[in-house]
Amino acid sequence: MSSHPKTQTTSDVVAVAEALRSHERFAVTTHENPDGDALGSLLAAHLALTQLGKDSVMVLANDAPLPGEYGFMALGDLKRAWPDDLAGRVLVAVDCAQENRMAQPIAITVAPLVVDIDHHHDNTRFGDVNLVVSDASSTGEVLRDVFAELGVALTPEIAEPL
């Protein structure tokens, strides 16, 4: 379990949507050595937050190369280090079952709020707000429900990586 102080832990689409709706600045991340669900969920969450007028950055805090087969994804804005202002951003971890799978998991002790959205049955629920749907096929499927709750339009740019 994380050493990040927990103020509230839930596992509800509405609670996740409210956490995203009620904040303005985000850092969205996923697990190291990302696969298609990880990168697609990262990009879709970033685009959805941007559509809502939020300040969002995508972060994969290491320098390992991305798998070439996902080169079609619009990941040009992907940062390879945590932003200097992480202490003022909500950390949204997608498709990341344990915080130690996140590159440089120290981020969860810096961010003021951690939102964990995942589909893995072994998720440790390390967020302050957790949405873990273990019978979902992918984190992209879980995000679709969050986007519906937020009123995010599933544009081709958002839907393609899901």
Protein backbone atom coordinates (compact mmCIF):
# COMPACT_ATOMS: atom_id res chain seq x y z
CA MET A 1 0.00 0.00 0.00
CA SER A 2 1.07 3.54 -0.67
CA SER A 3 2.37 5.85 2.01
CA HIS A 4 0.26 8.57 0.37
CA PRO A 5 -2.27 9.84 2.92
CA LYS A 6 -5.77 8.66 2.14
CA THR A 7 -8.58 11.12 2.67
CA GLN A 8 -11.24 9.02 0.98
CA THR A 9 -11.19 5.77 -0.94
CA THR A 10 -14.04 4.80 -3.24
CA SER A 11 -14.55 2.52 -6.20
CA ASP A 12 -17.29 4.29 -8.06
CA VAL A 13 -17.61 5.86 -11.53
CA VAL A 14 -19.46 8.85 -10.09
CA ALA A 15 -16.73 9.51 -7.51
CA VAL A 16 -14.00 9.34 -10.16
CA ALA A 17 -15.97 11.65 -12.45
CA GLU A 18 -16.47 14.10 -9.59
CA ALA A 19 -12.74 14.04 -8.76
CA LEU A 20 -11.94 14.84 -12.40
CA ARG A 21 -14.70 17.42 -12.74
CA SER A 22 -13.74 19.31 -9.57
CA HIS A 23 -10.05 19.83 -10.39
CA GLU A 24 -8.32 21.75 -13.17
CA ARG A 25 -4.76 20.41 -13.47
CA PHE A 26 -3.74 16.81 -14.12
CA ALA A 27 -0.77 14.55 -14.80
CA VAL A 28 -1.93 11.33 -16.49
CA THR A 29 0.35 8.30 -16.38
CA THR A 30 0.41 4.53 -16.86
CA HIS A 31 2.69 1.59 -16.16
CA GLU A 32 6.27 1.26 -17.37
CA ASN A 33 6.83 -0.83 -20.51
CA PRO A 34 3.35 0.13 -21.71
CA ASP A 35 1.15 -2.01 -23.94
CA GLY A 36 -1.72 -0.89 -26.17
CA ASP A 37 -4.28 -0.58 -23.38
CA ALA A 38 -1.86 1.47 -21.29
CA LEU A 39 -0.93 3.90 -24.06
CA GLY A 40 -4.45 4.07 -25.47
CA SER A 41 -5.91 4.77 -22.03
CA LEU A 42 -3.22 7.37 -21.33
CA LEU A 43 -3.97 9.21 -24.56
CA ALA A 44 -7.77 8.92 -24.27
CA ALA A 45 -7.79 10.20 -20.67
CA HIS A 46 -5.57 13.14 -21.65
CA LEU A 47 -7.77 14.01 -24.64
CA ALA A 48 -10.95 13.73 -22.56
CA LEU A 49 -9.56 16.05 -19.88
CA THR A 50 -8.47 18.50 -22.57
CA GLN A 51 -11.96 18.36 -24.13
CA LEU A 52 -13.32 19.36 -20.71
CA GLY A 53 -11.05 22.41 -20.70
CA LYS A 54 -8.63 20.96 -18.15
CA ASP A 55 -4.85 21.40 -18.09
CA SER A 56 -3.52 17.88 -18.67
CA VAL A 57 -0.06 16.48 -19.30
CA MET A 58 0.75 12.88 -20.26
CA VAL A 59 3.74 11.45 -18.41
CA LEU A 60 5.72 8.25 -18.74
CA ALA A 61 8.57 9.06 -16.38
CA ASN A 62 11.39 7.04 -17.86
CA ASP A 63 13.35 6.95 -21.09
CA ALA A 64 12.54 3.41 -22.25
CA PRO A 65 11.49 3.39 -25.91
CA LEU A 66 7.81 3.07 -26.70
CA PRO A 67 6.72 -0.01 -28.65
CA GLY A 68 6.88 0.79 -32.37
CA GLU A 69 3.52 -0.81 -33.14
CA TYR A 70 1.80 2.06 -31.31
CA GLY A 71 3.45 4.74 -33.41
CA PHE A 72 0.06 5.67 -34.89
CA MET A 73 -1.05 7.10 -31.54
CA ALA A 74 -0.76 10.87 -31.14
CA LEU A 75 1.72 10.75 -28.26
CA GLY A 76 3.87 13.68 -29.39
CA ASP A 77 3.10 15.61 -26.21
CA LEU A 78 4.18 12.73 -23.94
CA LYS A 79 6.56 13.96 -21.23
CA ARG A 80 9.31 11.63 -20.05
CA ALA A 81 9.70 13.27 -16.62
CA TRP A 82 7.23 14.46 -14.00
CA PRO A 83 6.34 18.14 -14.39
CA ASP A 84 7.90 20.54 -11.91
CA ASP A 85 4.40 21.53 -10.76
CA LEU A 86 3.25 17.97 -9.90
CA ALA A 87 2.41 19.09 -6.36
CA GLY A 88 -0.37 21.18 -7.92
CA ARG A 89 -1.75 18.47 -10.23
CA VAL A 90 -4.04 15.52 -9.67
CA LEU A 91 -2.26 12.31 -10.64
CA VAL A 92 -4.43 10.03 -12.79
CA ALA A 93 -2.96 6.53 -13.13
CA VAL A 94 -4.58 4.42 -15.85
CA ASP A 95 -4.05 0.68 -16.43
CA CYS A 96 -1.56 0.52 -13.58
CA ALA A 97 -2.30 -2.23 -11.06
CA GLN A 98 0.37 -1.30 -8.51
CA GLU A 99 2.13 1.97 -7.85
CA ASN A 100 5.52 0.26 -8.17
CA ARG A 101 4.71 -0.45 -11.85
CA MET A 102 4.59 3.29 -12.43
CA ALA A 103 7.92 4.72 -13.50
CA GLN A 104 9.14 6.73 -10.51
CA PRO A 105 6.22 5.98 -8.16
CA ILE A 106 7.41 8.74 -5.82
CA ALA A 107 4.86 10.86 -7.71
CA ILE A 108 2.02 9.49 -5.61
CA THR A 109 3.55 11.08 -2.52
CA VAL A 110 3.86 14.45 -4.27
CA ALA A 111 0.50 14.84 -6.04
CA PRO A 112 -2.29 16.21 -3.82
CA LEU A 113 -4.79 13.60 -5.09
CA VAL A 114 -4.31 10.25 -6.84
CA VAL A 115 -7.02 8.75 -9.07
CA ASP A 116 -6.52 5.08 -9.98
CA ILE A 117 -8.51 3.75 -12.99
CA ASP A 118 -7.86 0.14 -13.93
CA HIS A 119 -9.20 -3.30 -14.84
CA HIS A 120 -6.59 -5.61 -13.28
CA HIS A 121 -7.92 -7.92 -10.53
CA ASP A 122 -4.70 -7.52 -8.53
CA ASN A 123 -4.89 -3.71 -8.36
CA THR A 124 -3.71 -2.55 -4.93
CA ARG A 125 -6.11 0.43 -4.91
CA PHE A 126 -3.28 2.84 -4.24
CA GLY A 127 -5.29 5.93 -5.18
CA ASP A 128 -7.29 8.29 -3.04
CA VAL A 129 -10.12 7.52 -5.45
CA ASN A 130 -10.11 4.11 -7.15
CA LEU A 131 -12.15 2.65 -9.98
CA VAL A 132 -11.14 -0.96 -10.56
CA VAL A 133 -13.47 -3.03 -12.73
CA SER A 134 -11.82 -6.43 -12.84
CA ASP A 135 -14.36 -7.96 -15.22
CA ALA A 136 -13.78 -5.23 -17.85
CA SER A 137 -11.81 -6.27 -20.93
CA SER A 138 -9.52 -3.25 -20.68
CA THR A 139 -8.98 0.03 -18.92
CA GLY A 140 -10.25 1.67 -22.10
CA GLU A 141 -13.64 0.07 -21.42
CA VAL A 142 -13.64 1.45 -17.87
CA LEU A 143 -12.73 4.92 -19.17
CA ARG A 144 -15.65 4.84 -21.60
CA ASP A 145 -18.00 4.72 -18.60
CA VAL A 146 -16.16 7.56 -16.87
CA PHE A 147 -16.32 9.66 -20.05
CA ALA A 148 -20.08 9.02 -20.32
CA GLU A 149 -20.54 10.22 -16.73
CA LEU A 150 -18.50 13.36 -17.54
CA GLY A 151 -20.37 14.06 -20.78
CA VAL A 152 -17.20 13.68 -22.88
CA ALA A 153 -17.93 13.21 -26.58
CA LEU A 154 -16.23 10.09 -27.96
CA THR A 155 -14.48 11.79 -30.85
CA PRO A 156 -12.48 9.68 -33.31
CA GLU A 157 -9.26 10.88 -31.59
CA ILE A 158 -10.48 9.64 -28.20
CA ALA A 159 -12.18 6.47 -29.44
CA GLU A 160 -9.34 5.23 -31.68
CA PRO A 161 -6.87 4.40 -28.90
CA LEU A 162 -9.59 2.85 -26.74
